[in-house]
Amino acid sequence: MTTGFLTTHVLDTARGCPAAGLVIVLARIAGDGREELVRMTTNADGRTDAPILPQPDFAIGTYELTFHAGDYLRATAQEGDAPLFLDVVPIRFGISDPAAHYHVPLLLSPYGYSTYRGS
């Protein structure tokens, strides 16, 4: 029985707050193909209102979260000089445990980011 799910969270480390209003796209990767599964926007807490990959859709495989950081940085007046240093931030990762909760947060600033497998 599959019970796992995927969540994400975006924190604006330059401003010290959650990154609200940031668009995130989740895709499943298979070979050279890329299938968009969902597009969501972060809420006031920097999270999506529901798991970005809920239990019914959760499966082993390779995925990519694409964070539209540039739009968020422009909206919060953090874009700096054109062209943006960070615009679209893709994070490709694997899901190997169908029963686990995978949490892939993004810590974002105008000139850098980091991620990790959270809990």
PDB file of N, CA and C in Angstrom:
ATOM      1  N   MET A   1       0.837  -1.187   0.000  1.00  0.00           N
ATOM      2  CA  MET A   1       0.000   0.000   0.000  1.00  0.00           C
ATOM      3  C   MET A   1       0.874   1.240   0.000  1.00  0.00           C
ATOM      4  N   THR A   2       0.619   2.177  -0.888  1.00  0.00           N
ATOM      5  CA  THR A   2       1.368   3.419  -0.960  1.00  0.00           C
ATOM      6  C   THR A   2       0.797   4.407   0.047  1.00  0.00           C
ATOM      7  N   THR A   3       1.657   4.916   0.919  1.00  0.00           N
ATOM      8  CA  THR A   3       1.200   5.894   1.904  1.00  0.00           C
ATOM      9  C   THR A   3       2.072   7.142   1.904  1.00  0.00           C
ATOM     10  N   GLY A   4       3.072   7.189   1.048  1.00  0.00           N
ATOM     11  CA  GLY A   4       3.974   8.333   1.021  1.00  0.00           C
ATOM     12  C   GLY A   4       3.348   9.556   0.385  1.00  0.00           C
ATOM     13  N   PHE A   5       4.017  10.682   0.558  1.00  0.00           N
ATOM     14  CA  PHE A   5       3.593  11.925  -0.078  1.00  0.00           C
ATOM     15  C   PHE A   5       4.768  12.887  -0.107  1.00  0.00           C
ATOM     16  N   LEU A   6       4.644  13.947  -0.917  1.00  0.00           N
ATOM     17  CA  LEU A   6       5.712  14.922  -1.119  1.00  0.00           C
ATOM     18  C   LEU A   6       5.217  16.315  -0.755  1.00  0.00           C
ATOM     19  N   THR A   7       6.031  17.015   0.039  1.00  0.00           N
ATOM     20  CA  THR A   7       5.741  18.405   0.381  1.00  0.00           C
ATOM     21  C   THR A   7       6.975  19.251   0.106  1.00  0.00           C
ATOM     22  N   THR A   8       6.761  20.558   0.067  1.00  0.00           N
ATOM     23  CA  THR A   8       7.859  21.495  -0.112  1.00  0.00           C
ATOM     24  C   THR A   8       7.569  22.748   0.692  1.00  0.00           C
ATOM     25  N   HIS A   9       8.571  23.574   0.836  1.00  0.00           N
ATOM     26  CA  HIS A   9       8.481  24.788   1.654  1.00  0.00           C
ATOM     27  C   HIS A   9       9.558  25.721   1.117  1.00  0.00           C
ATOM     28  N   VAL A  10       9.243  26.997   0.946  1.00  0.00           N
ATOM     29  CA  VAL A  10      10.234  27.951   0.448  1.00  0.00           C
ATOM     30  C   VAL A  10      10.407  29.060   1.475  1.00  0.00           C
ATOM     31  N   LEU A  11      11.654  29.259   1.888  1.00  0.00           N
ATOM     32  CA  LEU A  11      11.992  30.330   2.825  1.00  0.00           C
ATOM     33  C   LEU A  11      12.880  31.340   2.132  1.00  0.00           C
ATOM     34  N   ASP A  12      12.559  32.599   2.298  1.00  0.00           N
ATOM     35  CA  ASP A  12      13.346  33.707   1.754  1.00  0.00           C
ATOM     36  C   ASP A  12      14.392  34.058   2.811  1.00  0.00           C
ATOM     37  N   THR A  13      15.611  33.589   2.614  1.00  0.00           N
ATOM     38  CA  THR A  13      16.655  33.794   3.628  1.00  0.00           C
ATOM     39  C   THR A  13      17.185  35.222   3.641  1.00  0.00           C
ATOM     40  N   ALA A  14      17.024  35.961   2.557  1.00  0.00           N
ATOM     41  CA  ALA A  14      17.473  37.354   2.520  1.00  0.00           C
ATOM     42  C   ALA A  14      16.563  38.238   3.368  1.00  0.00           C
ATOM     43  N   ARG A  15      15.279  37.946   3.336  1.00  0.00           N
ATOM     44  CA  ARG A  15      14.313  38.742   4.093  1.00  0.00           C
ATOM     45  C   ARG A  15      13.943  38.109   5.423  1.00  0.00           C
ATOM     46  N   GLY A  16      14.331  36.839   5.621  1.00  0.00           N
ATOM     47  CA  GLY A  16      14.033  36.158   6.876  1.00  0.00           C
ATOM     48  C   GLY A  16      12.563  35.843   7.059  1.00  0.00           C
ATOM     49  N   CYS A  17      11.914  35.378   5.971  1.00  0.00           N
ATOM     50  CA  CYS A  17      10.485  35.075   6.067  1.00  0.00           C
ATOM     51  C   CYS A  17      10.116  34.008   5.036  1.00  0.00           C
ATOM     52  N   PRO A  18       8.906  33.442   5.163  1.00  0.00           N
ATOM     53  CA  PRO A  18       8.443  32.510   4.135  1.00  0.00           C
ATOM     54  C   PRO A  18       8.296  33.228   2.795  1.00  0.00           C
ATOM     55  N   ALA A  19       8.480  32.496   1.715  1.00  0.00           N
ATOM     56  CA  ALA A  19       8.351  33.050   0.364  1.00  0.00           C
ATOM     57  C   ALA A  19       6.931  32.787  -0.130  1.00  0.00           C
ATOM     58  N   ALA A  20       6.045  33.746   0.083  1.00  0.00           N
ATOM     59  CA  ALA A  20       4.646  33.624  -0.339  1.00  0.00           C
ATOM     60  C   ALA A  20       4.498  34.034  -1.797  1.00  0.00           C
ATOM     61  N   GLY A  21       3.624  33.329  -2.522  1.00  0.00           N
ATOM     62  CA  GLY A  21       3.320  33.684  -3.902  1.00  0.00           C
ATOM     63  C   GLY A  21       4.311  33.162  -4.928  1.00  0.00           C
ATOM     64  N   LEU A  22       5.132  32.186  -4.564  1.00  0.00           N
ATOM     65  CA  LEU A  22       6.124  31.623  -5.477  1.00  0.00           C
ATOM     66  C   LEU A  22       5.530  30.413  -6.195  1.00  0.00           C
ATOM     67  N   VAL A  23       5.594  30.405  -7.510  1.00  0.00           N
ATOM     68  CA  VAL A  23       5.047  29.315  -8.316  1.00  0.00           C
ATOM     69  C   VAL A  23       6.036  28.150  -8.350  1.00  0.00           C
ATOM     70  N   ILE A  24       5.492  26.939  -8.154  1.00  0.00           N
ATOM     71  CA  ILE A  24       6.285  25.699  -8.167  1.00  0.00           C
ATOM     72  C   ILE A  24       5.614  24.720  -9.121  1.00  0.00           C
ATOM     73  N   VAL A  25       6.419  24.082  -9.959  1.00  0.00           N
ATOM     74  CA  VAL A  25       5.916  23.071 -10.892  1.00  0.00           C
ATOM     75  C   VAL A  25       6.581  21.746 -10.532  1.00  0.00           C
ATOM     76  N   LEU A  26       5.780  20.694 -10.433  1.00  0.00           N
ATOM     77  CA  LEU A  26       6.306  19.350 -10.205  1.00  0.00           C
ATOM     78  C   LEU A  26       6.147  18.540 -11.485  1.00  0.00           C
ATOM     79  N   ALA A  27       7.242  17.881 -11.889  1.00  0.00           N
ATOM     80  CA  ALA A  27       7.209  17.014 -13.075  1.00  0.00           C
ATOM     81  C   ALA A  27       7.800  15.656 -12.735  1.00  0.00           C
ATOM     82  N   ARG A  28       7.312  14.637 -13.425  1.00  0.00           N
ATOM     83  CA  ARG A  28       7.886  13.291 -13.336  1.00  0.00           C
ATOM     84  C   ARG A  28       8.825  13.150 -14.524  1.00  0.00           C
ATOM     85  N   ILE A  29      10.031  12.631 -14.271  1.00  0.00           N
ATOM     86  CA  ILE A  29      11.051  12.453 -15.298  1.00  0.00           C
ATOM     87  C   ILE A  29      11.145  10.970 -15.639  1.00  0.00           C
ATOM     88  N   ALA A  30      11.080  10.634 -16.920  1.00  0.00           N
ATOM     89  CA  ALA A  30      11.233   9.252 -17.380  1.00  0.00           C
ATOM     90  C   ALA A  30      12.048   9.278 -18.663  1.00  0.00           C
ATOM     91  N   GLY A  31      13.286   8.790 -18.584  1.00  0.00           N
ATOM     92  CA  GLY A  31      14.168   8.835 -19.748  1.00  0.00           C
ATOM     93  C   GLY A  31      14.418  10.276 -20.132  1.00  0.00           C
ATOM     94  N   ASP A  32      14.159  10.601 -21.389  1.00  0.00           N
ATOM     95  CA  ASP A  32      14.304  11.979 -21.858  1.00  0.00           C
ATOM     96  C   ASP A  32      13.002  12.767 -21.716  1.00  0.00           C
ATOM     97  N   GLY A  33      11.953  12.102 -21.225  1.00  0.00           N
ATOM     98  CA  GLY A  33      10.651  12.748 -21.117  1.00  0.00           C
ATOM     99  C   GLY A  33      10.435  13.437 -19.787  1.00  0.00           C
ATOM    100  N   ARG A  34       9.553  14.421 -19.825  1.00  0.00           N
ATOM    101  CA  ARG A  34       9.217  15.202 -18.633  1.00  0.00           C
ATOM    102  C   ARG A  34       7.718  15.452 -18.679  1.00  0.00           C
ATOM    103  N   GLU A  35       6.996  14.941 -17.662  1.00  0.00           N
ATOM    104  CA  GLU A  35       5.545  15.103 -17.614  1.00  0.00           C
ATOM    105  C   GLU A  35       5.173  16.020 -16.449  1.00  0.00           C
ATOM    106  N   GLU A  36       4.603  17.177 -16.760  1.00  0.00           N
ATOM    107  CA  GLU A  36       4.174  18.086 -15.698  1.00  0.00           C
ATOM    108  C   GLU A  36       2.982  17.474 -14.968  1.00  0.00           C
ATOM    109  N   LEU A  37       3.090  17.391 -13.648  1.00  0.00           N
ATOM    110  CA  LEU A  37       2.028  16.803 -12.838  1.00  0.00           C
ATOM    111  C   LEU A  37       1.153  17.846 -12.165  1.00  0.00           C
ATOM    112  N   VAL A  38       1.772  18.910 -11.681  1.00  0.00           N
ATOM    113  CA  VAL A  38       1.008  19.917 -10.947  1.00  0.00           C
ATOM    114  C   VAL A  38       1.770  21.233 -10.930  1.00  0.00           C
ATOM    115  N   ARG A  39       0.997  22.304 -10.819  1.00  0.00           N
ATOM    116  CA  ARG A  39       1.553  23.649 -10.689  1.00  0.00           C
ATOM    117  C   ARG A  39       0.834  24.267  -9.496  1.00  0.00           C
ATOM    118  N   MET A  40       1.601  24.742  -8.517  1.00  0.00           N
ATOM    119  CA  MET A  40       1.010  25.311  -7.310  1.00  0.00           C
ATOM    120  C   MET A  40       1.745  26.595  -6.944  1.00  0.00           C
ATOM    121  N   THR A  41       1.134  27.369  -6.060  1.00  0.00           N
ATOM    122  CA  THR A  41       1.721  28.616  -5.572  1.00  0.00           C
ATOM    123  C   THR A  41       1.801  28.555  -4.061  1.00  0.00           C
ATOM    124  N   THR A  42       2.913  29.020  -3.506  1.00  0.00           N
ATOM    125  CA  THR A  42       3.077  28.988  -2.057  1.00  0.00           C
ATOM    126  C   THR A  42       2.134  29.968  -1.368  1.00  0.00           C
ATOM    127  N   ASN A  43       1.713  29.585  -0.176  1.00  0.00           N
ATOM    128  CA  ASN A  43       0.830  30.422   0.632  1.00  0.00           C
ATOM    129  C   ASN A  43       1.657  31.349   1.533  1.00  0.00           C
ATOM    130  N   ALA A  44       1.023  32.019   2.464  1.00  0.00           N
ATOM    131  CA  ALA A  44       1.700  32.980   3.344  1.00  0.00           C
ATOM    132  C   ALA A  44       2.778  32.334   4.204  1.00  0.00           C
ATOM    133  N   ASP A  45       2.689  31.018   4.398  1.00  0.00           N
ATOM    134  CA  ASP A  45       3.692  30.291   5.184  1.00  0.00           C
ATOM    135  C   ASP A  45       4.804  29.731   4.303  1.00  0.00           C
ATOM    136  N   GLY A  46       4.785  30.024   2.988  1.00  0.00           N
ATOM    137  CA  GLY A  46       5.802  29.514   2.074  1.00  0.00           C
ATOM    138  C   GLY A  46       5.597  28.057   1.692  1.00  0.00           C
ATOM    139  N   ARG A  47       4.430  27.527   1.994  1.00  0.00           N
ATOM    140  CA  ARG A  47       4.105  26.127   1.698  1.00  0.00           C
ATOM    141  C   ARG A  47       2.965  26.068   0.681  1.00  0.00           C
ATOM    142  N   THR A  48       2.758  24.910   0.102  1.00  0.00           N
ATOM    143  CA  THR A  48       1.574  24.725  -0.726  1.00  0.00           C
ATOM    144  C   THR A  48       0.427  24.321   0.200  1.00  0.00           C
ATOM    145  N   ASP A  49      -0.796  24.622  -0.197  1.00  0.00           N
ATOM    146  CA  ASP A  49      -1.940  24.343   0.670  1.00  0.00           C
ATOM    147  C   ASP A  49      -2.202  22.853   0.862  1.00  0.00           C
ATOM    148  N   ALA A  50      -1.704  22.044  -0.043  1.00  0.00           N
ATOM    149  CA  ALA A  50      -1.845  20.588   0.032  1.00  0.00           C
ATOM    150  C   ALA A  50      -0.509  19.982  -0.393  1.00  0.00           C
ATOM    151  N   PRO A  51      -0.273  18.696  -0.084  1.00  0.00           N
ATOM    152  CA  PRO A  51       0.954  18.075  -0.580  1.00  0.00           C
ATOM    153  C   PRO A  51       1.077  18.261  -2.089  1.00  0.00           C
ATOM    154  N   ILE A  52       2.279  18.549  -2.549  1.00  0.00           N
ATOM    155  CA  ILE A  52       2.474  18.786  -3.976  1.00  0.00           C
ATOM    156  C   ILE A  52       2.365  17.471  -4.761  1.00  0.00           C
ATOM    157  N   LEU A  53       2.598  16.362  -4.089  1.00  0.00           N
ATOM    158  CA  LEU A  53       2.332  15.032  -4.653  1.00  0.00           C
ATOM    159  C   LEU A  53       1.639  14.234  -3.549  1.00  0.00           C
ATOM    160  N   PRO A  54       0.301  14.183  -3.582  1.00  0.00           N
ATOM    161  CA  PRO A  54      -0.444  13.524  -2.518  1.00  0.00           C
ATOM    162  C   PRO A  54      -0.359  11.996  -2.601  1.00  0.00           C
ATOM    163  N   GLN A  55      -0.818  11.343  -1.553  1.00  0.00           N
ATOM    164  CA  GLN A  55      -0.737   9.884  -1.453  1.00  0.00           C
ATOM    165  C   GLN A  55      -1.282   9.139  -2.668  1.00  0.00           C
ATOM    166  N   PRO A  56      -2.439   9.491  -3.217  1.00  0.00           N
ATOM    167  CA  PRO A  56      -2.962   8.710  -4.349  1.00  0.00           C
ATOM    168  C   PRO A  56      -2.059   8.739  -5.592  1.00  0.00           C
ATOM    169  N   ASP A  57      -1.249   9.788  -5.748  1.00  0.00           N
ATOM    170  CA  ASP A  57      -0.400   9.937  -6.934  1.00  0.00           C
ATOM    171  C   ASP A  57       1.061   9.604  -6.682  1.00  0.00           C
ATOM    172  N   PHE A  58       1.392   9.277  -5.450  1.00  0.00           N
ATOM    173  CA  PHE A  58       2.779   9.067  -5.042  1.00  0.00           C
ATOM    174  C   PHE A  58       3.317   7.753  -5.621  1.00  0.00           C
ATOM    175  N   ALA A  59       4.504   7.809  -6.237  1.00  0.00           N
ATOM    176  CA  ALA A  59       5.106   6.608  -6.822  1.00  0.00           C
ATOM    177  C   ALA A  59       6.626   6.757  -6.853  1.00  0.00           C
ATOM    178  N   ILE A  60       7.307   5.628  -6.827  1.00  0.00           N
ATOM    179  CA  ILE A  60       8.758   5.607  -6.965  1.00  0.00           C
ATOM    180  C   ILE A  60       9.123   6.194  -8.320  1.00  0.00           C
ATOM    181  N   GLY A  61      10.198   6.970  -8.362  1.00  0.00           N
ATOM    182  CA  GLY A  61      10.636   7.532  -9.627  1.00  0.00           C
ATOM    183  C   GLY A  61      11.493   8.759  -9.447  1.00  0.00           C
ATOM    184  N   THR A  62      11.805   9.385 -10.557  1.00  0.00           N
ATOM    185  CA  THR A  62      12.594  10.614 -10.575  1.00  0.00           C
ATOM    186  C   THR A  62      11.653  11.772 -10.852  1.00  0.00           C
ATOM    187  N   TYR A  63      11.826  12.827 -10.071  1.00  0.00           N
ATOM    188  CA  TYR A  63      10.944  13.994 -10.150  1.00  0.00           C
ATOM    189  C   TYR A  63      11.781  15.259 -10.225  1.00  0.00           C
ATOM    190  N   GLU A  64      11.131  16.347 -10.613  1.00  0.00           N
ATOM    191  CA  GLU A  64      11.785  17.646 -10.617  1.00  0.00           C
ATOM    192  C   GLU A  64      10.811  18.701 -10.120  1.00  0.00           C
ATOM    193  N   LEU A  65      11.229  19.426  -9.101  1.00  0.00           N
ATOM    194  CA  LEU A  65      10.513  20.605  -8.639  1.00  0.00           C
ATOM    195  C   LEU A  65      11.174  21.803  -9.297  1.00  0.00           C
ATOM    196  N   THR A  66      10.397  22.627  -9.961  1.00  0.00           N
ATOM    197  CA  THR A  66      10.911  23.838 -10.594  1.00  0.00           C
ATOM    198  C   THR A  66      10.315  25.031  -9.858  1.00  0.00           C
ATOM    199  N   PHE A  67      11.176  25.802  -9.248  1.00  0.00           N
ATOM    200  CA  PHE A  67      10.769  26.962  -8.468  1.00  0.00           C
ATOM    201  C   PHE A  67      10.956  28.213  -9.330  1.00  0.00           C
ATOM    202  N   HIS A  68       9.903  28.973  -9.534  1.00  0.00           N
ATOM    203  CA  HIS A  68       9.964  30.182 -10.357  1.00  0.00           C
ATOM    204  C   HIS A  68      10.405  31.357  -9.477  1.00  0.00           C
ATOM    205  N   ALA A  69      11.676  31.314  -9.116  1.00  0.00           N
ATOM    206  CA  ALA A  69      12.263  32.269  -8.180  1.00  0.00           C
ATOM    207  C   ALA A  69      12.306  33.679  -8.743  1.00  0.00           C
ATOM    208  N   GLY A  70      12.573  33.821 -10.024  1.00  0.00           N
ATOM    209  CA  GLY A  70      12.698  35.145 -10.621  1.00  0.00           C
ATOM    210  C   GLY A  70      11.442  35.974 -10.483  1.00  0.00           C
ATOM    211  N   ASP A  71      10.296  35.373 -10.741  1.00  0.00           N
ATOM    212  CA  ASP A  71       9.026  36.097 -10.599  1.00  0.00           C
ATOM    213  C   ASP A  71       8.842  36.553  -9.152  1.00  0.00           C
ATOM    214  N   TYR A  72       9.183  35.666  -8.211  1.00  0.00           N
ATOM    215  CA  TYR A  72       9.073  36.013  -6.792  1.00  0.00           C
ATOM    216  C   TYR A  72      10.049  37.133  -6.432  1.00  0.00           C
ATOM    217  N   LEU A  73      11.286  37.039  -6.899  1.00  0.00           N
ATOM    218  CA  LEU A  73      12.290  38.063  -6.573  1.00  0.00           C
ATOM    219  C   LEU A  73      11.895  39.422  -7.153  1.00  0.00           C
ATOM    220  N   ARG A  74      11.357  39.432  -8.362  1.00  0.00           N
ATOM    221  CA  ARG A  74      10.880  40.689  -8.948  1.00  0.00           C
ATOM    222  C   ARG A  74       9.709  41.257  -8.136  1.00  0.00           C
ATOM    223  N   ALA A  75       8.797  40.400  -7.726  1.00  0.00           N
ATOM    224  CA  ALA A  75       7.614  40.850  -6.979  1.00  0.00           C
ATOM    225  C   ALA A  75       7.976  41.404  -5.601  1.00  0.00           C
ATOM    226  N   THR A  76       9.121  40.970  -5.056  1.00  0.00           N
ATOM    227  CA  THR A  76       9.549  41.441  -3.736  1.00  0.00           C
ATOM    228  C   THR A  76      10.700  42.440  -3.841  1.00  0.00           C
ATOM    229  N   ALA A  77      10.921  42.975  -5.037  1.00  0.00           N
ATOM    230  CA  ALA A  77      11.948  44.001  -5.294  1.00  0.00           C
ATOM    231  C   ALA A  77      13.349  43.551  -4.888  1.00  0.00           C
ATOM    232  N   GLN A  78      13.662  42.278  -5.183  1.00  0.00           N
ATOM    233  CA  GLN A  78      14.987  41.734  -4.880  1.00  0.00           C
ATOM    234  C   GLN A  78      15.727  41.290  -6.133  1.00  0.00           C
ATOM    235  N   GLU A  79      15.271  41.746  -7.307  1.00  0.00           N
ATOM    236  CA  GLU A  79      15.808  41.196  -8.553  1.00  0.00           C
ATOM    237  C   GLU A  79      17.214  41.656  -8.889  1.00  0.00           C
ATOM    238  N   GLY A  80      17.659  42.789  -8.406  1.00  0.00           N
ATOM    239  CA  GLY A  80      18.998  43.267  -8.757  1.00  0.00           C
ATOM    240  C   GLY A  80      19.084  43.613 -10.233  1.00  0.00           C
ATOM    241  N   ASP A  81      20.289  43.607 -10.753  1.00  0.00           N
ATOM    242  CA  ASP A  81      20.517  43.956 -12.155  1.00  0.00           C
ATOM    243  C   ASP A  81      20.042  42.849 -13.087  1.00  0.00           C
ATOM    244  N   ALA A  82      19.610  43.259 -14.284  1.00  0.00           N
ATOM    245  CA  ALA A  82      19.208  42.290 -15.305  1.00  0.00           C
ATOM    246  C   ALA A  82      20.443  41.810 -16.054  1.00  0.00           C
ATOM    247  N   PRO A  83      20.499  40.579 -16.465  1.00  0.00           N
ATOM    248  CA  PRO A  83      19.517  39.552 -16.184  1.00  0.00           C
ATOM    249  C   PRO A  83      19.654  39.039 -14.749  1.00  0.00           C
ATOM    250  N   LEU A  84      18.589  38.448 -14.250  1.00  0.00           N
ATOM    251  CA  LEU A  84      18.606  37.891 -12.897  1.00  0.00           C
ATOM    252  C   LEU A  84      19.692  36.832 -12.750  1.00  0.00           C
ATOM    253  N   PHE A  85      20.316  36.803 -11.591  1.00  0.00           N
ATOM    254  CA  PHE A  85      21.271  35.733 -11.313  1.00  0.00           C
ATOM    255  C   PHE A  85      20.528  34.403 -11.185  1.00  0.00           C
ATOM    256  N   LEU A  86      19.414  34.388 -10.440  1.00  0.00           N
ATOM    257  CA  LEU A  86      18.564  33.204 -10.312  1.00  0.00           C
ATOM    258  C   LEU A  86      17.193  33.527 -10.873  1.00  0.00           C
ATOM    259  N   ASP A  87      16.728  32.715 -11.791  1.00  0.00           N
ATOM    260  CA  ASP A  87      15.406  32.912 -12.353  1.00  0.00           C
ATOM    261  C   ASP A  87      14.556  31.676 -12.079  1.00  0.00           C
ATOM    262  N   VAL A  88      14.884  30.583 -12.714  1.00  0.00           N
ATOM    263  CA  VAL A  88      14.177  29.319 -12.504  1.00  0.00           C
ATOM    264  C   VAL A  88      15.145  28.358 -11.822  1.00  0.00           C
ATOM    265  N   VAL A  89      14.715  27.777 -10.702  1.00  0.00           N
ATOM    266  CA  VAL A  89      15.564  26.870  -9.924  1.00  0.00           C
ATOM    267  C   VAL A  89      14.985  25.462  -9.994  1.00  0.00           C
ATOM    268  N   PRO A  90      15.616  24.558 -10.771  1.00  0.00           N
ATOM    269  CA  PRO A  90      15.136  23.177 -10.841  1.00  0.00           C
ATOM    270  C   PRO A  90      15.874  22.302  -9.819  1.00  0.00           C
ATOM    271  N   ILE A  91      15.132  21.451  -9.156  1.00  0.00           N
ATOM    272  CA  ILE A  91      15.732  20.478  -8.226  1.00  0.00           C
ATOM    273  C   ILE A  91      15.225  19.105  -8.633  1.00  0.00           C
ATOM    274  N   ARG A  92      16.131  18.268  -9.128  1.00  0.00           N
ATOM    275  CA  ARG A  92      15.785  16.919  -9.561  1.00  0.00           C
ATOM    276  C   ARG A  92      16.181  15.950  -8.458  1.00  0.00           C
ATOM    277  N   PHE A  93      15.280  15.041  -8.119  1.00  0.00           N
ATOM    278  CA  PHE A  93      15.510  14.129  -6.997  1.00  0.00           C
ATOM    279  C   PHE A  93      14.770  12.823  -7.246  1.00  0.00           C
ATOM    280  N   GLY A  94      15.140  11.812  -6.499  1.00  0.00           N
ATOM    281  CA  GLY A  94      14.512  10.509  -6.630  1.00  0.00           C
ATOM    282  C   GLY A  94      13.687  10.151  -5.411  1.00  0.00           C
ATOM    283  N   ILE A  95      12.600   9.452  -5.650  1.00  0.00           N
ATOM    284  CA  ILE A  95      11.775   8.884  -4.585  1.00  0.00           C
ATOM    285  C   ILE A  95      11.937   7.377  -4.677  1.00  0.00           C
ATOM    286  N   SER A  96      12.450   6.777  -3.606  1.00  0.00           N
ATOM    287  CA  SER A  96      12.715   5.341  -3.614  1.00  0.00           C
ATOM    288  C   SER A  96      11.889   4.563  -2.593  1.00  0.00           C
ATOM    289  N   ASP A  97      11.264   5.253  -1.663  1.00  0.00           N
ATOM    290  CA  ASP A  97      10.480   4.592  -0.618  1.00  0.00           C
ATOM    291  C   ASP A  97       9.015   4.992  -0.765  1.00  0.00           C
ATOM    292  N   PRO A  98       8.158   4.082  -1.221  1.00  0.00           N
ATOM    293  CA  PRO A  98       6.767   4.435  -1.478  1.00  0.00           C
ATOM    294  C   PRO A  98       5.941   4.723  -0.228  1.00  0.00           C
ATOM    295  N   ALA A  99       6.507   4.474   0.942  1.00  0.00           N
ATOM    296  CA  ALA A  99       5.769   4.692   2.180  1.00  0.00           C
ATOM    297  C   ALA A  99       6.279   5.895   2.969  1.00  0.00           C
ATOM    298  N   ALA A 100       7.230   6.639   2.419  1.00  0.00           N
ATOM    299  CA  ALA A 100       7.865   7.730   3.167  1.00  0.00           C
ATOM    300  C   ALA A 100       7.255   9.083   2.835  1.00  0.00           C
ATOM    301  N   HIS A 101       7.445  10.004   3.763  1.00  0.00           N
ATOM    302  CA  HIS A 101       7.122  11.414   3.516  1.00  0.00           C
ATOM    303  C   HIS A 101       8.405  12.060   3.019  1.00  0.00           C
ATOM    304  N   TYR A 102       8.388  12.566   1.814  1.00  0.00           N
ATOM    305  CA  TYR A 102       9.526  13.305   1.259  1.00  0.00           C
ATOM    306  C   TYR A 102       9.203  14.793   1.369  1.00  0.00           C
ATOM    307  N   HIS A 103      10.144  15.543   1.910  1.00  0.00           N
ATOM    308  CA  HIS A 103       9.986  16.994   2.044  1.00  0.00           C
ATOM    309  C   HIS A 103      11.218  17.627   1.415  1.00  0.00           C
ATOM    310  N   VAL A 104      11.021  18.448   0.392  1.00  0.00           N
ATOM    311  CA  VAL A 104      12.128  19.072  -0.335  1.00  0.00           C
ATOM    312  C   VAL A 104      11.971  20.591  -0.233  1.00  0.00           C
ATOM    313  N   PRO A 105      12.583  21.197   0.792  1.00  0.00           N
ATOM    314  CA  PRO A 105      12.475  22.644   0.953  1.00  0.00           C
ATOM    315  C   PRO A 105      13.504  23.390   0.111  1.00  0.00           C
ATOM    316  N   LEU A 106      13.219  24.668  -0.128  1.00  0.00           N
ATOM    317  CA  LEU A 106      14.154  25.545  -0.822  1.00  0.00           C
ATOM    318  C   LEU A 106      14.413  26.754   0.065  1.00  0.00           C
ATOM    319  N   LEU A 107      15.678  27.015   0.345  1.00  0.00           N
ATOM    320  CA  LEU A 107      16.102  28.215   1.060  1.00  0.00           C
ATOM    321  C   LEU A 107      16.655  29.144  -0.009  1.00  0.00           C
ATOM    322  N   LEU A 108      16.037  30.289  -0.196  1.00  0.00           N
ATOM    323  CA  LEU A 108      16.279  31.136  -1.360  1.00  0.00           C
ATOM    324  C   LEU A 108      16.726  32.534  -0.971  1.00  0.00           C
ATOM    325  N   SER A 109      17.695  33.053  -1.706  1.00  0.00           N
ATOM    326  CA  SER A 109      18.060  34.469  -1.657  1.00  0.00           C
ATOM    327  C   SER A 109      18.300  34.894  -3.110  1.00  0.00           C
ATOM    328  N   PRO A 110      18.473  36.176  -3.391  1.00  0.00           N
ATOM    329  CA  PRO A 110      18.658  36.594  -4.786  1.00  0.00           C
ATOM    330  C   PRO A 110      19.915  36.015  -5.445  1.00  0.00           C
ATOM    331  N   TYR A 111      20.895  35.608  -4.656  1.00  0.00           N
ATOM    332  CA  TYR A 111      22.162  35.152  -5.244  1.00  0.00           C
ATOM    333  C   TYR A 111      22.568  33.749  -4.809  1.00  0.00           C
ATOM    334  N   GLY A 112      21.658  32.999  -4.231  1.00  0.00           N
ATOM    335  CA  GLY A 112      21.995  31.637  -3.843  1.00  0.00           C
ATOM    336  C   GLY A 112      20.783  30.902  -3.318  1.00  0.00           C
ATOM    337  N   TYR A 113      20.916  29.577  -3.270  1.00  0.00           N
ATOM    338  CA  TYR A 113      19.847  28.749  -2.703  1.00  0.00           C
ATOM    339  C   TYR A 113      20.461  27.459  -2.194  1.00  0.00           C
ATOM    340  N   SER A 114      19.722  26.774  -1.340  1.00  0.00           N
ATOM    341  CA  SER A 114      20.105  25.438  -0.889  1.00  0.00           C
ATOM    342  C   SER A 114      18.849  24.615  -0.675  1.00  0.00           C
ATOM    343  N   THR A 115      19.041  23.321  -0.654  1.00  0.00           N
ATOM    344  CA  THR A 115      17.942  22.397  -0.431  1.00  0.00           C
ATOM    345  C   THR A 115      18.464  21.188   0.323  1.00  0.00           C
ATOM    346  N   TYR A 116      17.573  20.373   0.792  1.00  0.00           N
ATOM    347  CA  TYR A 116      17.939  19.159   1.512  1.00  0.00           C
ATOM    348  C   TYR A 116      16.698  18.292   1.592  1.00  0.00           C
ATOM    349  N   ARG A 117      16.868  17.068   2.025  1.00  0.00           N
ATOM    350  CA  ARG A 117      15.687  16.230   2.273  1.00  0.00           C
ATOM    351  C   ARG A 117      15.260  16.461   3.709  1.00  0.00           C
ATOM    352  N   GLY A 118      14.158  17.114   3.879  1.00  0.00           N
ATOM    353  CA  GLY A 118      13.653  17.439   5.205  1.00  0.00           C
ATOM    354  C   GLY A 118      12.752  16.351   5.729  1.00  0.00           C
ATOM    355  N   SER A 119      12.067  16.683   6.803  1.00  0.00           N
ATOM    356  CA  SER A 119      11.162  15.711   7.432  1.00  0.00           C
ATOM    357  C   SER A 119       9.760  16.274   7.540  1.00  0.00           C
TER     358      SER A 119
END
